[in-house]
Amino acid sequence: METLKNQPVLYSVLNTTQCSVKPNHTIFFEFPSNSAYDEFEHLREDIFQKLKKEVNNYSINFKYQIKETQRTILLTDKDKYEKMVKENPLLEKLRNDFRLDF
């Protein structure tokens, strides 16, 4: 891990990625996002070859999954207002009665 500190992006990706050993010599990676996987993918082959050589086991398999994350959607003031009007249509009447502008 010490040599990975010289590669900060890869080090960060590996620190946020869950890794587990599965049956049949399989190492399973669960990446938190597509971008984390993409960063890892650039160096994957080199890392895997070094690992296989270091443990002297060339039958190791590697599997991965990208964890689905909830996306944050930013709403404008108008979008927020329209959402509130859907929930409570009287807001539109109130806005019209007081001649409020958006």
PDB file of N, CA and C in Angstrom:
ATOM      1  N   MET A   1       0.827  -1.194   0.000  1.00  0.00           N
ATOM      2  CA  MET A   1       0.000   0.000   0.000  1.00  0.00           C
ATOM      3  C   MET A   1       0.872   1.259   0.000  1.00  0.00           C
ATOM      4  N   GLU A   2       2.070   1.123   0.504  1.00  0.00           N
ATOM      5  CA  GLU A   2       2.964   2.284   0.568  1.00  0.00           C
ATOM      6  C   GLU A   2       3.287   2.817  -0.830  1.00  0.00           C
ATOM      7  N   THR A   3       3.497   1.905  -1.796  1.00  0.00           N
ATOM      8  CA  THR A   3       3.802   2.370  -3.155  1.00  0.00           C
ATOM      9  C   THR A   3       2.575   2.983  -3.819  1.00  0.00           C
ATOM     10  N   LEU A   4       1.383   2.630  -3.371  1.00  0.00           N
ATOM     11  CA  LEU A   4       0.170   3.227  -3.925  1.00  0.00           C
ATOM     12  C   LEU A   4       0.000   4.681  -3.496  1.00  0.00           C
ATOM     13  N   LYS A   5       0.604   5.064  -2.395  1.00  0.00           N
ATOM     14  CA  LYS A   5       0.505   6.458  -1.955  1.00  0.00           C
ATOM     15  C   LYS A   5       1.176   7.398  -2.942  1.00  0.00           C
ATOM     16  N   ASN A   6       2.061   6.851  -3.781  1.00  0.00           N
ATOM     17  CA  ASN A   6       2.678   7.656  -4.833  1.00  0.00           C
ATOM     18  C   ASN A   6       1.725   7.874  -6.001  1.00  0.00           C
ATOM     19  N   GLN A   7       0.627   7.138  -6.019  1.00  0.00           N
ATOM     20  CA  GLN A   7      -0.411   7.274  -7.042  1.00  0.00           C
ATOM     21  C   GLN A   7      -1.715   7.640  -6.326  1.00  0.00           C
ATOM     22  N   PRO A   8      -1.913   8.912  -5.992  1.00  0.00           N
ATOM     23  CA  PRO A   8      -3.024   9.312  -5.122  1.00  0.00           C
ATOM     24  C   PRO A   8      -4.414   8.952  -5.642  1.00  0.00           C
ATOM     25  N   VAL A   9      -4.617   9.002  -6.952  1.00  0.00           N
ATOM     26  CA  VAL A   9      -5.944   8.689  -7.481  1.00  0.00           C
ATOM     27  C   VAL A   9      -6.254   7.213  -7.268  1.00  0.00           C
ATOM     28  N   LEU A  10      -5.325   6.352  -7.622  1.00  0.00           N
ATOM     29  CA  LEU A  10      -5.520   4.918  -7.437  1.00  0.00           C
ATOM     30  C   LEU A  10      -5.652   4.577  -5.954  1.00  0.00           C
ATOM     31  N   TYR A  11      -4.843   5.195  -5.141  1.00  0.00           N
ATOM     32  CA  TYR A  11      -4.912   4.974  -3.690  1.00  0.00           C
ATOM     33  C   TYR A  11      -6.300   5.337  -3.153  1.00  0.00           C
ATOM     34  N   SER A  12      -6.828   6.462  -3.601  1.00  0.00           N
ATOM     35  CA  SER A  12      -8.154   6.894  -3.161  1.00  0.00           C
ATOM     36  C   SER A  12      -9.235   5.930  -3.636  1.00  0.00           C
ATOM     37  N   VAL A  13      -9.143   5.495  -4.888  1.00  0.00           N
ATOM     38  CA  VAL A  13     -10.130   4.555  -5.438  1.00  0.00           C
ATOM     39  C   VAL A  13     -10.123   3.255  -4.639  1.00  0.00           C
ATOM     40  N   LEU A  14      -8.945   2.724  -4.375  1.00  0.00           N
ATOM     41  CA  LEU A  14      -8.866   1.458  -3.643  1.00  0.00           C
ATOM     42  C   LEU A  14      -9.330   1.596  -2.197  1.00  0.00           C
ATOM     43  N   ASN A  15      -9.169   2.762  -1.613  1.00  0.00           N
ATOM     44  CA  ASN A  15      -9.639   2.963  -0.237  1.00  0.00           C
ATOM     45  C   ASN A  15     -11.162   3.064  -0.153  1.00  0.00           C
ATOM     46  N   THR A  16     -11.818   3.432  -1.242  1.00  0.00           N
ATOM     47  CA  THR A  16     -13.278   3.546  -1.229  1.00  0.00           C
ATOM     48  C   THR A  16     -13.962   2.335  -1.848  1.00  0.00           C
ATOM     49  N   THR A  17     -13.174   1.385  -2.344  1.00  0.00           N
ATOM     50  CA  THR A  17     -13.711   0.194  -2.989  1.00  0.00           C
ATOM     51  C   THR A  17     -13.731  -0.965  -2.011  1.00  0.00           C
ATOM     52  N   GLN A  18     -14.851  -1.674  -1.978  1.00  0.00           N
ATOM     53  CA  GLN A  18     -14.939  -2.857  -1.125  1.00  0.00           C
ATOM     54  C   GLN A  18     -14.395  -4.049  -1.896  1.00  0.00           C
ATOM     55  N   CYS A  19     -13.625  -4.856  -1.219  1.00  0.00           N
ATOM     56  CA  CYS A  19     -12.984  -5.996  -1.848  1.00  0.00           C
ATOM     57  C   CYS A  19     -13.219  -7.221  -0.966  1.00  0.00           C
ATOM     58  N   SER A  20     -13.542  -8.356  -1.602  1.00  0.00           N
ATOM     59  CA  SER A  20     -13.740  -9.581  -0.835  1.00  0.00           C
ATOM     60  C   SER A  20     -13.256 -10.776  -1.650  1.00  0.00           C
ATOM     61  N   VAL A  21     -12.930 -11.846  -0.942  1.00  0.00           N
ATOM     62  CA  VAL A  21     -12.479 -13.073  -1.587  1.00  0.00           C
ATOM     63  C   VAL A  21     -13.671 -14.011  -1.690  1.00  0.00           C
ATOM     64  N   LYS A  22     -13.877 -14.533  -2.884  1.00  0.00           N
ATOM     65  CA  LYS A  22     -14.983 -15.444  -3.163  1.00  0.00           C
ATOM     66  C   LYS A  22     -14.419 -16.827  -3.478  1.00  0.00           C
ATOM     67  N   PRO A  23     -15.279 -17.830  -3.565  1.00  0.00           N
ATOM     68  CA  PRO A  23     -14.807 -19.176  -3.910  1.00  0.00           C
ATOM     69  C   PRO A  23     -14.125 -19.215  -5.290  1.00  0.00           C
ATOM     70  N   ASN A  24     -13.385 -20.250  -5.535  1.00  0.00           N
ATOM     71  CA  ASN A  24     -12.692 -20.506  -6.803  1.00  0.00           C
ATOM     72  C   ASN A  24     -11.647 -19.436  -7.128  1.00  0.00           C
ATOM     73  N   HIS A  25     -10.920 -19.003  -6.129  1.00  0.00           N
ATOM     74  CA  HIS A  25      -9.822 -18.043  -6.317  1.00  0.00           C
ATOM     75  C   HIS A  25     -10.292 -16.748  -6.985  1.00  0.00           C
ATOM     76  N   THR A  26     -11.427 -16.264  -6.565  1.00  0.00           N
ATOM     77  CA  THR A  26     -11.979 -15.040  -7.157  1.00  0.00           C
ATOM     78  C   THR A  26     -11.915 -13.902  -6.154  1.00  0.00           C
ATOM     79  N   ILE A  27     -11.418 -12.768  -6.616  1.00  0.00           N
ATOM     80  CA  ILE A  27     -11.409 -11.547  -5.805  1.00  0.00           C
ATOM     81  C   ILE A  27     -12.475 -10.628  -6.396  1.00  0.00           C
ATOM     82  N   PHE A  28     -13.391 -10.198  -5.542  1.00  0.00           N
ATOM     83  CA  PHE A  28     -14.540  -9.402  -5.979  1.00  0.00           C
ATOM     84  C   PHE A  28     -14.386  -7.960  -5.504  1.00  0.00           C
ATOM     85  N   PHE A  29     -14.495  -7.018  -6.446  1.00  0.00           N
ATOM     86  CA  PHE A  29     -14.409  -5.592  -6.143  1.00  0.00           C
ATOM     87  C   PHE A  29     -15.781  -4.962  -6.331  1.00  0.00           C
ATOM     88  N   GLU A  30     -16.178  -4.117  -5.389  1.00  0.00           N
ATOM     89  CA  GLU A  30     -17.410  -3.344  -5.535  1.00  0.00           C
ATOM     90  C   GLU A  30     -17.031  -1.861  -5.518  1.00  0.00           C
ATOM     91  N   PHE A  31     -17.119  -1.247  -6.701  1.00  0.00           N
ATOM     92  CA  PHE A  31     -16.724   0.148  -6.855  1.00  0.00           C
ATOM     93  C   PHE A  31     -17.884   1.068  -6.504  1.00  0.00           C
ATOM     94  N   PRO A  32     -17.602   2.205  -5.847  1.00  0.00           N
ATOM     95  CA  PRO A  32     -18.674   3.117  -5.445  1.00  0.00           C
ATOM     96  C   PRO A  32     -19.267   3.915  -6.607  1.00  0.00           C
ATOM     97  N   SER A  33     -18.565   3.988  -7.745  1.00  0.00           N
ATOM     98  CA  SER A  33     -19.074   4.778  -8.869  1.00  0.00           C
ATOM     99  C   SER A  33     -18.382   4.355 -10.160  1.00  0.00           C
ATOM    100  N   ASN A  34     -18.957   4.776 -11.265  1.00  0.00           N
ATOM    101  CA  ASN A  34     -18.345   4.503 -12.571  1.00  0.00           C
ATOM    102  C   ASN A  34     -16.977   5.163 -12.688  1.00  0.00           C
ATOM    103  N   SER A  35     -16.847   6.374 -12.163  1.00  0.00           N
ATOM    104  CA  SER A  35     -15.563   7.067 -12.276  1.00  0.00           C
ATOM    105  C   SER A  35     -14.470   6.344 -11.486  1.00  0.00           C
ATOM    106  N   ALA A  36     -14.825   5.774 -10.336  1.00  0.00           N
ATOM    107  CA  ALA A  36     -13.839   5.013  -9.562  1.00  0.00           C
ATOM    108  C   ALA A  36     -13.401   3.786 -10.350  1.00  0.00           C
ATOM    109  N   TYR A  37     -14.356   3.111 -10.983  1.00  0.00           N
ATOM    110  CA  TYR A  37     -14.008   1.953 -11.802  1.00  0.00           C
ATOM    111  C   TYR A  37     -13.118   2.362 -12.975  1.00  0.00           C
ATOM    112  N   ASP A  38     -13.453   3.458 -13.635  1.00  0.00           N
ATOM    113  CA  ASP A  38     -12.672   3.925 -14.781  1.00  0.00           C
ATOM    114  C   ASP A  38     -11.219   4.207 -14.385  1.00  0.00           C
ATOM    115  N   GLU A  39     -11.018   4.836 -13.238  1.00  0.00           N
ATOM    116  CA  GLU A  39      -9.660   5.121 -12.766  1.00  0.00           C
ATOM    117  C   GLU A  39      -8.899   3.827 -12.499  1.00  0.00           C
ATOM    118  N   PHE A  40      -9.591   2.866 -11.890  1.00  0.00           N
ATOM    119  CA  PHE A  40      -8.963   1.581 -11.590  1.00  0.00           C
ATOM    120  C   PHE A  40      -8.659   0.817 -12.871  1.00  0.00           C
ATOM    121  N   GLU A  41      -9.522   0.888 -13.843  1.00  0.00           N
ATOM    122  CA  GLU A  41      -9.392   0.147 -15.096  1.00  0.00           C
ATOM    123  C   GLU A  41      -8.099   0.485 -15.836  1.00  0.00           C
ATOM    124  N   HIS A  42      -7.651   1.730 -15.738  1.00  0.00           N
ATOM    125  CA  HIS A  42      -6.425   2.137 -16.429  1.00  0.00           C
ATOM    126  C   HIS A  42      -5.207   1.327 -15.963  1.00  0.00           C
ATOM    127  N   LEU A  43      -5.191   0.944 -14.702  1.00  0.00           N
ATOM    128  CA  LEU A  43      -4.025   0.267 -14.143  1.00  0.00           C
ATOM    129  C   LEU A  43      -4.307  -1.182 -13.743  1.00  0.00           C
ATOM    130  N   ARG A  44      -5.494  -1.647 -14.045  1.00  0.00           N
ATOM    131  CA  ARG A  44      -5.947  -2.967 -13.593  1.00  0.00           C
ATOM    132  C   ARG A  44      -5.000  -4.096 -13.996  1.00  0.00           C
ATOM    133  N   GLU A  45      -4.672  -4.193 -15.239  1.00  0.00           N
ATOM    134  CA  GLU A  45      -3.874  -5.325 -15.729  1.00  0.00           C
ATOM    135  C   GLU A  45      -2.514  -5.393 -15.049  1.00  0.00           C
ATOM    136  N   ASP A  46      -1.866  -4.258 -14.914  1.00  0.00           N
ATOM    137  CA  ASP A  46      -0.557  -4.217 -14.267  1.00  0.00           C
ATOM    138  C   ASP A  46      -0.653  -4.672 -12.810  1.00  0.00           C
ATOM    139  N   ILE A  47      -1.669  -4.185 -12.108  1.00  0.00           N
ATOM    140  CA  ILE A  47      -1.854  -4.545 -10.693  1.00  0.00           C
ATOM    141  C   ILE A  47      -2.125  -6.035 -10.552  1.00  0.00           C
ATOM    142  N   PHE A  48      -3.010  -6.576 -11.399  1.00  0.00           N
ATOM    143  CA  PHE A  48      -3.373  -7.980 -11.293  1.00  0.00           C
ATOM    144  C   PHE A  48      -2.184  -8.896 -11.604  1.00  0.00           C
ATOM    145  N   GLN A  49      -1.400  -8.528 -12.591  1.00  0.00           N
ATOM    146  CA  GLN A  49      -0.227  -9.353 -12.930  1.00  0.00           C
ATOM    147  C   GLN A  49       0.781  -9.353 -11.781  1.00  0.00           C
ATOM    148  N   LYS A  50       1.001  -8.191 -11.178  1.00  0.00           N
ATOM    149  CA  LYS A  50       1.931  -8.114 -10.049  1.00  0.00           C
ATOM    150  C   LYS A  50       1.418  -8.935  -8.868  1.00  0.00           C
ATOM    151  N   LEU A  51       0.119  -8.872  -8.603  1.00  0.00           N
ATOM    152  CA  LEU A  51      -0.465  -9.622  -7.496  1.00  0.00           C
ATOM    153  C   LEU A  51      -0.338 -11.123  -7.737  1.00  0.00           C
ATOM    154  N   LYS A  52      -0.671 -11.574  -8.936  1.00  0.00           N
ATOM    155  CA  LYS A  52      -0.570 -13.003  -9.259  1.00  0.00           C
ATOM    156  C   LYS A  52       0.876 -13.500  -9.089  1.00  0.00           C
ATOM    157  N   LYS A  53       1.818 -12.698  -9.530  1.00  0.00           N
ATOM    158  CA  LYS A  53       3.218 -13.074  -9.412  1.00  0.00           C
ATOM    159  C   LYS A  53       3.656 -13.091  -7.942  1.00  0.00           C
ATOM    160  N   GLU A  54       3.228 -12.068  -7.176  1.00  0.00           N
ATOM    161  CA  GLU A  54       3.624 -11.944  -5.771  1.00  0.00           C
ATOM    162  C   GLU A  54       3.129 -13.129  -4.938  1.00  0.00           C
ATOM    163  N   VAL A  55       1.903 -13.581  -5.187  1.00  0.00           N
ATOM    164  CA  VAL A  55       1.346 -14.702  -4.410  1.00  0.00           C
ATOM    165  C   VAL A  55       1.577 -16.042  -5.116  1.00  0.00           C
ATOM    166  N   ASN A  56       2.204 -15.982  -6.285  1.00  0.00           N
ATOM    167  CA  ASN A  56       2.511 -17.169  -7.077  1.00  0.00           C
ATOM    168  C   ASN A  56       1.254 -18.009  -7.337  1.00  0.00           C
ATOM    169  N   ASN A  57       0.217 -17.322  -7.757  1.00  0.00           N
ATOM    170  CA  ASN A  57      -1.042 -17.991  -8.088  1.00  0.00           C
ATOM    171  C   ASN A  57      -1.622 -17.314  -9.319  1.00  0.00           C
ATOM    172  N   TYR A  58      -1.495 -17.985 -10.454  1.00  0.00           N
ATOM    173  CA  TYR A  58      -1.953 -17.396 -11.714  1.00  0.00           C
ATOM    174  C   TYR A  58      -3.384 -17.803 -12.066  1.00  0.00           C
ATOM    175  N   SER A  59      -4.055 -18.492 -11.166  1.00  0.00           N
ATOM    176  CA  SER A  59      -5.443 -18.875 -11.422  1.00  0.00           C
ATOM    177  C   SER A  59      -6.437 -17.940 -10.718  1.00  0.00           C
ATOM    178  N   ILE A  60      -5.948 -16.841 -10.183  1.00  0.00           N
ATOM    179  CA  ILE A  60      -6.822 -15.874  -9.522  1.00  0.00           C
ATOM    180  C   ILE A  60      -7.705 -15.201 -10.575  1.00  0.00           C
ATOM    181  N   ASN A  61      -8.989 -15.110 -10.258  1.00  0.00           N
ATOM    182  CA  ASN A  61      -9.950 -14.407 -11.114  1.00  0.00           C
ATOM    183  C   ASN A  61     -10.367 -13.129 -10.424  1.00  0.00           C
ATOM    184  N   PHE A  62     -10.747 -12.152 -11.223  1.00  0.00           N
ATOM    185  CA  PHE A  62     -11.189 -10.874 -10.681  1.00  0.00           C
ATOM    186  C   PHE A  62     -12.563 -10.552 -11.244  1.00  0.00           C
ATOM    187  N   LYS A  63     -13.474 -10.226 -10.364  1.00  0.00           N
ATOM    188  CA  LYS A  63     -14.828  -9.819 -10.757  1.00  0.00           C
ATOM    189  C   LYS A  63     -15.084  -8.454 -10.135  1.00  0.00           C
ATOM    190  N   TYR A  64     -16.011  -7.711 -10.734  1.00  0.00           N
ATOM    191  CA  TYR A  64     -16.332  -6.399 -10.180  1.00  0.00           C
ATOM    192  C   TYR A  64     -17.801  -6.081 -10.366  1.00  0.00           C
ATOM    193  N   GLN A  65     -18.247  -5.135  -9.589  1.00  0.00           N
ATOM    194  CA  GLN A  65     -19.601  -4.599  -9.679  1.00  0.00           C
ATOM    195  C   GLN A  65     -19.517  -3.118  -9.341  1.00  0.00           C
ATOM    196  N   ILE A  66     -20.333  -2.325 -10.009  1.00  0.00           N
ATOM    197  CA  ILE A  66     -20.391  -0.899  -9.699  1.00  0.00           C
ATOM    198  C   ILE A  66     -21.661  -0.664  -8.892  1.00  0.00           C
ATOM    199  N   LYS A  67     -21.477  -0.171  -7.680  1.00  0.00           N
ATOM    200  CA  LYS A  67     -22.598   0.055  -6.772  1.00  0.00           C
ATOM    201  C   LYS A  67     -23.438   1.207  -7.292  1.00  0.00           C
ATOM    202  N   GLU A  68     -24.722   0.992  -7.350  1.00  0.00           N
ATOM    203  CA  GLU A  68     -25.632   2.061  -7.764  1.00  0.00           C
ATOM    204  C   GLU A  68     -25.738   3.074  -6.628  1.00  0.00           C
ATOM    205  N   THR A  69     -25.577   4.317  -6.975  1.00  0.00           N
ATOM    206  CA  THR A  69     -25.679   5.365  -5.967  1.00  0.00           C
ATOM    207  C   THR A  69     -26.849   6.269  -6.290  1.00  0.00           C
ATOM    208  N   GLN A  70     -27.367   6.879  -5.279  1.00  0.00           N
ATOM    209  CA  GLN A  70     -28.472   7.804  -5.459  1.00  0.00           C
ATOM    210  C   GLN A  70     -27.921   9.134  -5.959  1.00  0.00           C
ATOM    211  N   ARG A  71     -28.511   9.640  -7.003  1.00  0.00           N
ATOM    212  CA  ARG A  71     -28.037  10.894  -7.577  1.00  0.00           C
ATOM    213  C   ARG A  71     -28.775  12.068  -6.961  1.00  0.00           C
ATOM    214  N   THR A  72     -28.047  13.133  -6.769  1.00  0.00           N
ATOM    215  CA  THR A  72     -28.626  14.356  -6.243  1.00  0.00           C
ATOM    216  C   THR A  72     -29.023  15.243  -7.416  1.00  0.00           C
ATOM    217  N   ILE A  73     -30.274  15.660  -7.408  1.00  0.00           N
ATOM    218  CA  ILE A  73     -30.769  16.525  -8.468  1.00  0.00           C
ATOM    219  C   ILE A  73     -30.988  17.909  -7.879  1.00  0.00           C
ATOM    220  N   LEU A  74     -30.393  18.899  -8.507  1.00  0.00           N
ATOM    221  CA  LEU A  74     -30.541  20.272  -8.042  1.00  0.00           C
ATOM    222  C   LEU A  74     -31.749  20.896  -8.737  1.00  0.00           C
ATOM    223  N   LEU A  75     -32.619  21.469  -7.949  1.00  0.00           N
ATOM    224  CA  LEU A  75     -33.825  22.093  -8.485  1.00  0.00           C
ATOM    225  C   LEU A  75     -33.705  23.611  -8.420  1.00  0.00           C
ATOM    226  N   THR A  76     -34.215  24.262  -9.448  1.00  0.00           N
ATOM    227  CA  THR A  76     -34.268  25.719  -9.430  1.00  0.00           C
ATOM    228  C   THR A  76     -35.430  26.142  -8.532  1.00  0.00           C
ATOM    229  N   ASP A  77     -35.496  27.436  -8.230  1.00  0.00           N
ATOM    230  CA  ASP A  77     -36.607  27.934  -7.417  1.00  0.00           C
ATOM    231  C   ASP A  77     -37.947  27.669  -8.105  1.00  0.00           C
ATOM    232  N   LYS A  78     -37.963  27.839  -9.412  1.00  0.00           N
ATOM    233  CA  LYS A  78     -39.196  27.602 -10.166  1.00  0.00           C
ATOM    234  C   LYS A  78     -39.600  26.131 -10.093  1.00  0.00           C
ATOM    235  N   ASP A  79     -38.637  25.223 -10.207  1.00  0.00           N
ATOM    236  CA  ASP A  79     -38.922  23.793 -10.099  1.00  0.00           C
ATOM    237  C   ASP A  79     -39.479  23.451  -8.720  1.00  0.00           C
ATOM    238  N   LYS A  80     -38.883  24.041  -7.685  1.00  0.00           N
ATOM    239  CA  LYS A  80     -39.359  23.808  -6.321  1.00  0.00           C
ATOM    240  C   LYS A  80     -40.794  24.304  -6.167  1.00  0.00           C
ATOM    241  N   TYR A  81     -41.055  25.481  -6.728  1.00  0.00           N
ATOM    242  CA  TYR A  81     -42.398  26.049  -6.632  1.00  0.00           C
ATOM    243  C   TYR A  81     -43.412  25.153  -7.350  1.00  0.00           C
ATOM    244  N   GLU A  82     -43.075  24.706  -8.546  1.00  0.00           N
ATOM    245  CA  GLU A  82     -43.996  23.853  -9.306  1.00  0.00           C
ATOM    246  C   GLU A  82     -44.272  22.545  -8.578  1.00  0.00           C
ATOM    247  N   LYS A  83     -43.265  22.009  -7.928  1.00  0.00           N
ATOM    248  CA  LYS A  83     -43.452  20.785  -7.139  1.00  0.00           C
ATOM    249  C   LYS A  83     -44.391  21.047  -5.958  1.00  0.00           C
ATOM    250  N   MET A  84     -44.214  22.205  -5.313  1.00  0.00           N
ATOM    251  CA  MET A  84     -45.077  22.554  -4.183  1.00  0.00           C
ATOM    252  C   MET A  84     -46.519  22.790  -4.649  1.00  0.00           C
ATOM    253  N   VAL A  85     -46.696  23.371  -5.838  1.00  0.00           N
ATOM    254  CA  VAL A  85     -48.038  23.617  -6.369  1.00  0.00           C
ATOM    255  C   VAL A  85     -48.730  22.295  -6.674  1.00  0.00           C
ATOM    256  N   LYS A  86     -47.983  21.318  -7.133  1.00  0.00           N
ATOM    257  CA  LYS A  86     -48.574  19.994  -7.385  1.00  0.00           C
ATOM    258  C   LYS A  86     -49.103  19.388  -6.093  1.00  0.00           C
ATOM    259  N   GLU A  87     -48.367  19.603  -5.003  1.00  0.00           N
ATOM    260  CA  GLU A  87     -48.793  19.075  -3.712  1.00  0.00           C
ATOM    261  C   GLU A  87     -49.909  19.906  -3.089  1.00  0.00           C
ATOM    262  N   ASN A  88     -49.904  21.209  -3.374  1.00  0.00           N
ATOM    263  CA  ASN A  88     -50.908  22.094  -2.795  1.00  0.00           C
ATOM    264  C   ASN A  88     -51.286  23.165  -3.828  1.00  0.00           C
ATOM    265  N   PRO A  89     -52.312  22.905  -4.652  1.00  0.00           N
ATOM    266  CA  PRO A  89     -52.699  23.824  -5.720  1.00  0.00           C
ATOM    267  C   PRO A  89     -53.127  25.218  -5.234  1.00  0.00           C
ATOM    268  N   LEU A  90     -53.480  25.360  -3.968  1.00  0.00           N
ATOM    269  CA  LEU A  90     -53.891  26.671  -3.457  1.00  0.00           C
ATOM    270  C   LEU A  90     -52.737  27.672  -3.446  1.00  0.00           C
ATOM    271  N   LEU A  91     -51.527  27.197  -3.521  1.00  0.00           N
ATOM    272  CA  LEU A  91     -50.382  28.115  -3.594  1.00  0.00           C
ATOM    273  C   LEU A  91     -50.454  28.983  -4.849  1.00  0.00           C
ATOM    274  N   GLU A  92     -50.910  28.421  -5.927  1.00  0.00           N
ATOM    275  CA  GLU A  92     -51.027  29.185  -7.172  1.00  0.00           C
ATOM    276  C   GLU A  92     -52.065  30.288  -7.016  1.00  0.00           C
ATOM    277  N   LYS A  93     -53.171  29.977  -6.353  1.00  0.00           N
ATOM    278  CA  LYS A  93     -54.202  30.992  -6.106  1.00  0.00           C
ATOM    279  C   LYS A  93     -53.643  32.100  -5.216  1.00  0.00           C
ATOM    280  N   LEU A  94     -52.919  31.726  -4.192  1.00  0.00           N
ATOM    281  CA  LEU A  94     -52.308  32.698  -3.288  1.00  0.00           C
ATOM    282  C   LEU A  94     -51.328  33.604  -4.042  1.00  0.00           C
ATOM    283  N   ARG A  95     -50.531  33.024  -4.917  1.00  0.00           N
ATOM    284  CA  ARG A  95     -49.576  33.804  -5.704  1.00  0.00           C
ATOM    285  C   ARG A  95     -50.313  34.788  -6.603  1.00  0.00           C
ATOM    286  N   ASN A  96     -51.399  34.360  -7.215  1.00  0.00           N
ATOM    287  CA  ASN A  96     -52.188  35.232  -8.101  1.00  0.00           C
ATOM    288  C   ASN A  96     -52.907  36.321  -7.303  1.00  0.00           C
ATOM    289  N   ASP A  97     -53.481  35.967  -6.172  1.00  0.00           N
ATOM    290  CA  ASP A  97     -54.210  36.942  -5.356  1.00  0.00           C
ATOM    291  C   ASP A  97     -53.311  38.081  -4.874  1.00  0.00           C
ATOM    292  N   PHE A  98     -52.105  37.747  -4.529  1.00  0.00           N
ATOM    293  CA  PHE A  98     -51.184  38.778  -4.031  1.00  0.00           C
ATOM    294  C   PHE A  98     -50.277  39.333  -5.145  1.00  0.00           C
ATOM    295  N   ARG A  99     -50.527  38.898  -6.357  1.00  0.00           N
ATOM    296  CA  ARG A  99     -49.762  39.341  -7.532  1.00  0.00           C
ATOM    297  C   ARG A  99     -48.261  39.189  -7.313  1.00  0.00           C
ATOM    298  N   LEU A 100     -47.911  38.026  -6.863  1.00  0.00           N
ATOM    299  CA  LEU A 100     -46.492  37.711  -6.638  1.00  0.00           C
ATOM    300  C   LEU A 100     -45.890  37.249  -7.960  1.00  0.00           C
ATOM    301  N   ASP A 101     -44.688  37.676  -8.189  1.00  0.00           N
ATOM    302  CA  ASP A 101     -44.011  37.311  -9.418  1.00  0.00           C
ATOM    303  C   ASP A 101     -42.929  36.284  -9.089  1.00  0.00           C
ATOM    304  N   PHE A 102     -42.660  35.483 -10.033  1.00  0.00           N
ATOM    305  CA  PHE A 102     -41.631  34.476  -9.828  1.00  0.00           C
ATOM    306  C   PHE A 102     -40.352  34.939 -10.418  1.00  0.00           C
TER     307      PHE A 102
END
